[in-house]
Amino acid sequence: MRIALVGDRSPGVRAHTRIPLLVEALRERDGLALDPYWIPTTDAGGLDGFDGIWVVPGSPYASEEGAVAAVRTARERRIPFLGTCGGFQHMLLEYARGVCGLDVAHAENGPGHDYLLTPLACTLAGHEAPVRLAAGSLIEQIMGARETVEAYNCSYGLNDGYRRTLEEHGLVFSGHGDSGDESGGGEAVRVAELPGHPFFLGTLFQPELAGDGSRAHPVIAAFAAAVARHAAARQPAAG
């Protein structure tokens, strides 16, 4: 079960140091033996052969184009996808550009005109905060609850002025934090998912930081299970 870990690996990014521990925990506790490949964002083309694509934290990435391309491959090829923190932000960026046809930018990545991702009014870097989950959503099914408390290390979120357009084009915002965090006011988006896709989920929080690393967060375990289903479906029928 080959998964692409798309991001610019660094020992200074806590989430990156946690991922090998979580992969081992998935093997030992859940019987899900993932074969992870770290892919720099500068080399993130040609991911079709993977059973899962995870765009990991650590933005600003060396290549915005590479991160967006990884998301697009997962969406169009129906490969299980997880985007966490910066991966979530670039998931929204790809969807806005590739599905909604918007000419938008990420404020963290340099000068632009119309910003889809803007600085949070109150940074979430180094904080834990509650997330309210929509009834019947994928994230609610994964967590088994309507609310969870999660760890963050980010300072950018969705510009609320674009929320309706993304929703009208099929993206579902299924997790929210306290209102008024992003420009434009309203409930703050924390989770997005794409119905009809085998697994296409992004979280502004970092599930990599949950606990002590000895057990995978339910979001990561659910992604791994989707990867296993995708890998099994790719195997030729016996006989």
C-alpha atoms as a PDB file:
ATOM      1  CA  MET A   1       0.000   0.000   0.000  1.00  0.00           C
ATOM      2  CA  ARG A   2       2.128   2.825  -1.340  1.00  0.00           C
ATOM      3  CA  ILE A   3       1.373   6.319  -0.098  1.00  0.00           C
ATOM      4  CA  ALA A   4       2.941   9.583  -1.206  1.00  0.00           C
ATOM      5  CA  LEU A   5       3.794  11.928   1.657  1.00  0.00           C
ATOM      6  CA  VAL A   6       3.918  15.199  -0.234  1.00  0.00           C
ATOM      7  CA  GLY A   7       5.848  17.901   1.582  1.00  0.00           C
ATOM      8  CA  ASP A   8       9.322  19.271   2.092  1.00  0.00           C
ATOM      9  CA  ARG A   9      10.567  16.990   4.850  1.00  0.00           C
ATOM     10  CA  SER A  10      12.282  18.718   7.750  1.00  0.00           C
ATOM     11  CA  PRO A  11      13.342  17.582  11.238  1.00  0.00           C
ATOM     12  CA  GLY A  12      12.173  20.998  12.422  1.00  0.00           C
ATOM     13  CA  VAL A  13       8.535  20.227  11.577  1.00  0.00           C
ATOM     14  CA  ARG A  14       7.047  18.287  14.480  1.00  0.00           C
ATOM     15  CA  ALA A  15       4.360  16.667  12.325  1.00  0.00           C
ATOM     16  CA  HIS A  16       7.058  15.236  10.046  1.00  0.00           C
ATOM     17  CA  THR A  17       8.870  13.586  12.940  1.00  0.00           C
ATOM     18  CA  ARG A  18       5.590  12.062  14.140  1.00  0.00           C
ATOM     19  CA  ILE A  19       4.584  10.446  10.838  1.00  0.00           C
ATOM     20  CA  PRO A  20       7.046   7.496  10.950  1.00  0.00           C
ATOM     21  CA  LEU A  21       5.787   6.689  14.461  1.00  0.00           C
ATOM     22  CA  LEU A  22       2.186   6.809  13.256  1.00  0.00           C
ATOM     23  CA  VAL A  23       2.929   4.567  10.286  1.00  0.00           C
ATOM     24  CA  GLU A  24       4.444   2.016  12.670  1.00  0.00           C
ATOM     25  CA  ALA A  25       1.458   2.344  15.024  1.00  0.00           C
ATOM     26  CA  LEU A  26      -0.917   1.657  12.128  1.00  0.00           C
ATOM     27  CA  ARG A  27       1.015  -1.513  11.318  1.00  0.00           C
ATOM     28  CA  GLU A  28       1.130  -2.771  14.894  1.00  0.00           C
ATOM     29  CA  ARG A  29      -2.325  -1.747  16.155  1.00  0.00           C
ATOM     30  CA  ASP A  30      -4.489  -1.728  13.024  1.00  0.00           C
ATOM     31  CA  GLY A  31      -2.754  -4.243  10.753  1.00  0.00           C
ATOM     32  CA  LEU A  32      -2.391  -1.584   8.042  1.00  0.00           C
ATOM     33  CA  ALA A  33       1.099  -1.816   6.565  1.00  0.00           C
ATOM     34  CA  LEU A  34       1.654   1.395   4.641  1.00  0.00           C
ATOM     35  CA  ASP A  35       4.697   1.888   2.443  1.00  0.00           C
ATOM     36  CA  PRO A  36       5.368   5.648   2.658  1.00  0.00           C
ATOM     37  CA  TYR A  37       7.422   7.633   0.154  1.00  0.00           C
ATOM     38  CA  TRP A  38       8.399  11.210   0.994  1.00  0.00           C
ATOM     39  CA  ILE A  39       7.898  13.325  -2.125  1.00  0.00           C
ATOM     40  CA  PRO A  40       9.211  16.921  -2.142  1.00  0.00           C
ATOM     41  CA  THR A  41       6.690  19.376  -3.539  1.00  0.00           C
ATOM     42  CA  THR A  42       9.166  20.107  -6.328  1.00  0.00           C
ATOM     43  CA  ASP A  43       8.797  16.465  -7.474  1.00  0.00           C
ATOM     44  CA  ALA A  44       5.070  15.970  -6.893  1.00  0.00           C
ATOM     45  CA  GLY A  45       4.063  15.190 -10.473  1.00  0.00           C
ATOM     46  CA  GLY A  46       3.258  11.651 -11.619  1.00  0.00           C
ATOM     47  CA  LEU A  47       1.641  10.285  -8.451  1.00  0.00           C
ATOM     48  CA  ASP A  48      -0.910   8.146 -10.290  1.00  0.00           C
ATOM     49  CA  GLY A  49       0.672   4.872  -9.137  1.00  0.00           C
ATOM     50  CA  PHE A  50       0.170   5.523  -5.431  1.00  0.00           C
ATOM     51  CA  ASP A  51      -2.669   4.090  -3.355  1.00  0.00           C
ATOM     52  CA  GLY A  52      -2.914   7.247  -1.247  1.00  0.00           C
ATOM     53  CA  ILE A  53      -1.720  10.852  -1.318  1.00  0.00           C
ATOM     54  CA  TRP A  54      -1.166  12.789   1.894  1.00  0.00           C
ATOM     55  CA  VAL A  55      -0.155  16.444   1.598  1.00  0.00           C
ATOM     56  CA  VAL A  56       1.465  16.995   4.966  1.00  0.00           C
ATOM     57  CA  PRO A  57       2.051  20.165   7.037  1.00  0.00           C
ATOM     58  CA  GLY A  58       5.076  22.378   6.548  1.00  0.00           C
ATOM     59  CA  SER A  59       3.992  25.276   4.341  1.00  0.00           C
ATOM     60  CA  PRO A  60       5.026  27.501   2.731  1.00  0.00           C
ATOM     61  CA  TYR A  61       6.066  24.693   0.424  1.00  0.00           C
ATOM     62  CA  ALA A  62       9.027  24.898  -1.922  1.00  0.00           C
ATOM     63  CA  SER A  63       6.543  24.504  -4.795  1.00  0.00           C
ATOM     64  CA  GLU A  64       2.939  25.664  -4.550  1.00  0.00           C
ATOM     65  CA  GLU A  65       2.428  24.217  -8.026  1.00  0.00           C
ATOM     66  CA  GLY A  66       3.623  20.789  -6.878  1.00  0.00           C
ATOM     67  CA  ALA A  67       1.350  20.722  -3.831  1.00  0.00           C
ATOM     68  CA  VAL A  68      -1.651  21.752  -5.933  1.00  0.00           C
ATOM     69  CA  ALA A  69      -0.788  19.158  -8.584  1.00  0.00           C
ATOM     70  CA  ALA A  70      -0.718  16.411  -5.947  1.00  0.00           C
ATOM     71  CA  VAL A  71      -4.217  17.359  -4.805  1.00  0.00           C
ATOM     72  CA  ARG A  72      -5.456  17.466  -8.387  1.00  0.00           C
ATOM     73  CA  THR A  73      -4.090  13.980  -9.097  1.00  0.00           C
ATOM     74  CA  ALA A  74      -5.896  12.577  -6.056  1.00  0.00           C
ATOM     75  CA  ARG A  75      -9.160  14.297  -6.925  1.00  0.00           C
ATOM     76  CA  GLU A  76      -9.214  13.438 -10.624  1.00  0.00           C
ATOM     77  CA  ARG A  77      -7.796   9.891 -10.295  1.00  0.00           C
ATOM     78  CA  ARG A  78      -9.993   9.111  -7.280  1.00  0.00           C
ATOM     79  CA  ILE A  79      -7.008   8.229  -5.120  1.00  0.00           C
ATOM     80  CA  PRO A  80      -7.600   8.489  -1.350  1.00  0.00           C
ATOM     81  CA  PHE A  81      -6.411  11.907  -0.223  1.00  0.00           C
ATOM     82  CA  LEU A  82      -5.634  13.528   3.106  1.00  0.00           C
ATOM     83  CA  GLY A  83      -4.546  17.141   3.485  1.00  0.00           C
ATOM     84  CA  THR A  84      -3.503  18.420   6.909  1.00  0.00           C
ATOM     85  CA  CYS A  85      -2.800  22.048   7.816  1.00  0.00           C
ATOM     86  CA  GLY A  86      -0.963  23.364   4.717  1.00  0.00           C
ATOM     87  CA  GLY A  87      -2.286  20.337   2.816  1.00  0.00           C
ATOM     88  CA  PHE A  88      -5.829  21.389   3.702  1.00  0.00           C
ATOM     89  CA  GLN A  89      -5.127  24.924   2.507  1.00  0.00           C
ATOM     90  CA  HIS A  90      -3.758  23.703  -0.831  1.00  0.00           C
ATOM     91  CA  MET A  91      -6.681  21.300  -1.185  1.00  0.00           C
ATOM     92  CA  LEU A  92      -8.959  24.347  -1.109  1.00  0.00           C
ATOM     93  CA  LEU A  93      -6.675  26.190  -3.510  1.00  0.00           C
ATOM     94  CA  GLU A  94      -6.747  23.348  -6.038  1.00  0.00           C
ATOM     95  CA  TYR A  95     -10.521  22.987  -5.793  1.00  0.00           C
ATOM     96  CA  ALA A  96     -11.088  26.709  -6.229  1.00  0.00           C
ATOM     97  CA  ARG A  97      -8.886  26.797  -9.308  1.00  0.00           C
ATOM     98  CA  GLY A  98      -9.553  23.391 -10.840  1.00  0.00           C
ATOM     99  CA  VAL A  99     -13.280  23.002 -10.182  1.00  0.00           C
ATOM    100  CA  CYS A 100     -14.623  26.505  -9.558  1.00  0.00           C
ATOM    101  CA  GLY A 101     -12.446  28.207 -12.165  1.00  0.00           C
ATOM    102  CA  LEU A 102     -11.306  30.926  -9.755  1.00  0.00           C
ATOM    103  CA  ASP A 103      -8.093  32.890 -10.201  1.00  0.00           C
ATOM    104  CA  VAL A 104      -7.114  32.965  -6.540  1.00  0.00           C
ATOM    105  CA  ALA A 105      -3.945  32.891  -4.462  1.00  0.00           C
ATOM    106  CA  HIS A 106      -2.601  31.916  -1.046  1.00  0.00           C
ATOM    107  CA  ALA A 107      -1.417  34.926   0.963  1.00  0.00           C
ATOM    108  CA  GLU A 108       1.398  32.871   2.523  1.00  0.00           C
ATOM    109  CA  ASN A 109       2.910  32.125  -0.888  1.00  0.00           C
ATOM    110  CA  GLY A 110       3.589  35.693  -1.959  1.00  0.00           C
ATOM    111  CA  PRO A 111       1.925  38.632  -3.710  1.00  0.00           C
ATOM    112  CA  GLY A 112      -1.376  38.076  -5.487  1.00  0.00           C
ATOM    113  CA  HIS A 113      -4.692  39.734  -6.060  1.00  0.00           C
ATOM    114  CA  ASP A 114      -7.653  37.655  -4.890  1.00  0.00           C
ATOM    115  CA  TYR A 115      -6.667  35.629  -1.836  1.00  0.00           C
ATOM    116  CA  LEU A 116      -8.511  32.400  -1.098  1.00  0.00           C
ATOM    117  CA  LEU A 117      -6.348  31.768   1.993  1.00  0.00           C
ATOM    118  CA  THR A 118      -5.759  34.695   4.307  1.00  0.00           C
ATOM    119  CA  PRO A 119      -4.154  35.235   7.728  1.00  0.00           C
ATOM    120  CA  LEU A 120      -6.295  34.213  10.669  1.00  0.00           C
ATOM    121  CA  ALA A 121      -7.419  37.104  12.836  1.00  0.00           C
ATOM    122  CA  CYS A 122      -6.149  35.037  15.783  1.00  0.00           C
ATOM    123  CA  THR A 123      -3.348  32.612  14.999  1.00  0.00           C
ATOM    124  CA  LEU A 124      -3.895  28.985  15.949  1.00  0.00           C
ATOM    125  CA  ALA A 125      -0.188  28.159  15.989  1.00  0.00           C
ATOM    126  CA  GLY A 126       0.572  26.059  19.046  1.00  0.00           C
ATOM    127  CA  HIS A 127      -3.038  25.982  20.247  1.00  0.00           C
ATOM    128  CA  GLU A 128      -5.744  23.401  20.811  1.00  0.00           C
ATOM    129  CA  ALA A 129      -9.345  24.325  20.025  1.00  0.00           C
ATOM    130  CA  PRO A 130     -12.757  22.651  19.689  1.00  0.00           C
ATOM    131  CA  VAL A 131     -14.102  21.645  16.286  1.00  0.00           C
ATOM    132  CA  ARG A 132     -17.828  21.150  15.718  1.00  0.00           C
ATOM    133  CA  LEU A 133     -18.612  18.388  13.204  1.00  0.00           C
ATOM    134  CA  ALA A 134     -21.592  18.280  10.861  1.00  0.00           C
ATOM    135  CA  ALA A 135     -24.094  15.473  11.442  1.00  0.00           C
ATOM    136  CA  GLY A 136     -23.829  12.701   8.876  1.00  0.00           C
ATOM    137  CA  SER A 137     -20.503  13.924   7.505  1.00  0.00           C
ATOM    138  CA  LEU A 138     -17.488  11.731   6.859  1.00  0.00           C
ATOM    139  CA  ILE A 139     -15.516  13.444   9.600  1.00  0.00           C
ATOM    140  CA  GLU A 140     -18.322  12.891  12.113  1.00  0.00           C
ATOM    141  CA  GLN A 141     -18.447   9.205  11.189  1.00  0.00           C
ATOM    142  CA  ILE A 142     -14.686   8.963  11.603  1.00  0.00           C
ATOM    143  CA  MET A 143     -14.621  10.686  14.986  1.00  0.00           C
ATOM    144  CA  GLY A 144     -17.847   9.140  16.293  1.00  0.00           C
ATOM    145  CA  ALA A 145     -18.800  12.443  17.918  1.00  0.00           C
ATOM    146  CA  ARG A 146     -20.194  15.856  17.062  1.00  0.00           C
ATOM    147  CA  GLU A 147     -17.291  17.746  18.647  1.00  0.00           C
ATOM    148  CA  THR A 148     -13.578  17.186  19.111  1.00  0.00           C
ATOM    149  CA  VAL A 149     -10.633  19.163  20.453  1.00  0.00           C
ATOM    150  CA  GLU A 150      -7.654  19.284  18.108  1.00  0.00           C
ATOM    151  CA  ALA A 151      -4.118  20.665  17.892  1.00  0.00           C
ATOM    152  CA  TYR A 152      -3.119  23.368  15.432  1.00  0.00           C
ATOM    153  CA  ASN A 153       0.050  24.978  14.185  1.00  0.00           C
ATOM    154  CA  CYS A 154      -1.249  27.358  11.528  1.00  0.00           C
ATOM    155  CA  SER A 155      -1.917  31.008  10.839  1.00  0.00           C
ATOM    156  CA  TYR A 156      -3.950  30.888   7.597  1.00  0.00           C
ATOM    157  CA  GLY A 157      -7.509  29.870   6.782  1.00  0.00           C
ATOM    158  CA  LEU A 158     -10.249  30.154   4.209  1.00  0.00           C
ATOM    159  CA  ASN A 159     -11.368  33.632   3.154  1.00  0.00           C
ATOM    160  CA  ASP A 160     -15.052  33.342   4.057  1.00  0.00           C
ATOM    161  CA  GLY A 161     -16.037  35.329   0.990  1.00  0.00           C
ATOM    162  CA  TYR A 162     -15.327  32.279  -1.156  1.00  0.00           C
ATOM    163  CA  ARG A 163     -17.085  29.697   0.989  1.00  0.00           C
ATOM    164  CA  ARG A 164     -20.415  29.729  -0.848  1.00  0.00           C
ATOM    165  CA  THR A 165     -18.779  29.364  -4.270  1.00  0.00           C
ATOM    166  CA  LEU A 166     -16.845  26.281  -3.166  1.00  0.00           C
ATOM    167  CA  GLU A 167     -19.980  24.818  -1.609  1.00  0.00           C
ATOM    168  CA  GLU A 168     -22.007  25.456  -4.764  1.00  0.00           C
ATOM    169  CA  HIS A 169     -19.417  23.422  -6.669  1.00  0.00           C
ATOM    170  CA  GLY A 170     -19.762  20.419  -4.363  1.00  0.00           C
ATOM    171  CA  LEU A 171     -17.219  20.843  -1.583  1.00  0.00           C
ATOM    172  CA  VAL A 172     -18.636  20.276   1.906  1.00  0.00           C
ATOM    173  CA  PHE A 173     -17.342  22.153   4.929  1.00  0.00           C
ATOM    174  CA  SER A 174     -18.011  19.672   7.694  1.00  0.00           C
ATOM    175  CA  GLY A 175     -16.012  21.016  10.629  1.00  0.00           C
ATOM    176  CA  HIS A 176     -16.067  24.503  12.133  1.00  0.00           C
ATOM    177  CA  GLY A 177     -14.371  26.409  14.913  1.00  0.00           C
ATOM    178  CA  ASP A 178     -15.211  29.578  16.748  1.00  0.00           C
ATOM    179  CA  SER A 179     -16.846  32.268  14.608  1.00  0.00           C
ATOM    180  CA  GLY A 180     -15.073  35.358  13.349  1.00  0.00           C
ATOM    181  CA  ASP A 181     -11.572  33.901  12.978  1.00  0.00           C
ATOM    182  CA  GLU A 182     -11.245  34.527   9.249  1.00  0.00           C
ATOM    183  CA  SER A 183     -11.820  37.669   7.202  1.00  0.00           C
ATOM    184  CA  GLY A 184     -15.512  38.038   6.483  1.00  0.00           C
ATOM    185  CA  GLY A 185     -16.691  36.637   9.815  1.00  0.00           C
ATOM    186  CA  GLY A 186     -19.042  33.693  10.289  1.00  0.00           C
ATOM    187  CA  GLU A 187     -18.164  30.204  11.462  1.00  0.00           C
ATOM    188  CA  ALA A 188     -14.539  29.338  10.810  1.00  0.00           C
ATOM    189  CA  VAL A 189     -13.908  26.405   8.462  1.00  0.00           C
ATOM    190  CA  ARG A 190     -11.755  23.647   9.945  1.00  0.00           C
ATOM    191  CA  VAL A 191     -12.622  20.544   7.853  1.00  0.00           C
ATOM    192  CA  ALA A 192     -13.568  20.011   4.205  1.00  0.00           C
ATOM    193  CA  GLU A 193     -14.576  16.860   2.335  1.00  0.00           C
ATOM    194  CA  LEU A 194     -15.776  15.827  -1.096  1.00  0.00           C
ATOM    195  CA  PRO A 195     -18.815  13.514  -1.207  1.00  0.00           C
ATOM    196  CA  GLY A 196     -18.725  10.826  -3.879  1.00  0.00           C
ATOM    197  CA  HIS A 197     -14.938  10.509  -3.790  1.00  0.00           C
ATOM    198  CA  PRO A 198     -13.497   7.326  -2.203  1.00  0.00           C
ATOM    199  CA  PHE A 199     -11.755   9.487   0.422  1.00  0.00           C
ATOM    200  CA  PHE A 200     -11.015  13.187   0.022  1.00  0.00           C
ATOM    201  CA  LEU A 201     -10.615  14.980   3.336  1.00  0.00           C
ATOM    202  CA  GLY A 202      -8.736  18.013   4.605  1.00  0.00           C
ATOM    203  CA  THR A 203      -8.292  19.327   8.133  1.00  0.00           C
ATOM    204  CA  LEU A 204      -6.831  22.659   9.186  1.00  0.00           C
ATOM    205  CA  PHE A 205      -5.825  20.971  12.442  1.00  0.00           C
ATOM    206  CA  GLN A 206      -2.906  18.568  12.596  1.00  0.00           C
ATOM    207  CA  PRO A 207      -3.982  15.035  13.568  1.00  0.00           C
ATOM    208  CA  GLU A 208      -0.286  14.112  13.526  1.00  0.00           C
ATOM    209  CA  LEU A 209       0.097  15.943  16.858  1.00  0.00           C
ATOM    210  CA  ALA A 210      -2.587  14.041  18.778  1.00  0.00           C
ATOM    211  CA  GLY A 211      -1.415  12.013  21.772  1.00  0.00           C
ATOM    212  CA  ASP A 212       2.143  10.741  22.065  1.00  0.00           C
ATOM    213  CA  GLY A 213       2.424   9.165  18.605  1.00  0.00           C
ATOM    214  CA  SER A 214       1.793   5.612  19.795  1.00  0.00           C
ATOM    215  CA  ARG A 215      -1.699   5.509  18.268  1.00  0.00           C
ATOM    216  CA  ALA A 216      -2.880   7.031  15.003  1.00  0.00           C
ATOM    217  CA  HIS A 217      -5.542   9.729  15.190  1.00  0.00           C
ATOM    218  CA  PRO A 218      -8.903   8.458  13.829  1.00  0.00           C
ATOM    219  CA  VAL A 219      -8.541  10.696  10.744  1.00  0.00           C
ATOM    220  CA  ILE A 220      -5.197   9.100   9.880  1.00  0.00           C
ATOM    221  CA  ALA A 221      -6.499   5.597  10.582  1.00  0.00           C
ATOM    222  CA  ALA A 222      -9.524   6.224   8.330  1.00  0.00           C
ATOM    223  CA  PHE A 223      -7.249   7.468   5.555  1.00  0.00           C
ATOM    224  CA  ALA A 224      -5.071   4.363   5.912  1.00  0.00           C
ATOM    225  CA  ALA A 225      -8.161   2.121   5.706  1.00  0.00           C
ATOM    226  CA  ALA A 226      -9.220   3.919   2.499  1.00  0.00           C
ATOM    227  CA  VAL A 227      -5.724   3.379   1.108  1.00  0.00           C
ATOM    228  CA  ALA A 228      -6.046  -0.336   1.883  1.00  0.00           C
ATOM    229  CA  ARG A 229      -9.374  -0.513   0.036  1.00  0.00           C
ATOM    230  CA  HIS A 230      -7.895   1.284  -2.956  1.00  0.00           C
ATOM    231  CA  ALA A 231      -4.874  -1.042  -3.018  1.00  0.00           C
ATOM    232  CA  ALA A 232      -7.119  -4.117  -2.828  1.00  0.00           C
ATOM    233  CA  ALA A 233      -9.273  -2.872  -5.696  1.00  0.00           C
ATOM    234  CA  ARG A 234      -6.166  -2.439  -7.855  1.00  0.00           C
ATOM    235  CA  GLN A 235      -5.151  -6.074  -7.447  1.00  0.00           C
ATOM    236  CA  PRO A 236      -6.023  -8.369 -10.364  1.00  0.00           C
ATOM    237  CA  ALA A 237      -8.787 -10.874  -9.669  1.00  0.00           C
ATOM    238  CA  ALA A 238      -7.564 -14.329  -8.646  1.00  0.00           C
ATOM    239  CA  GLY A 239      -8.014 -17.232 -11.012  1.00  0.00           C
END
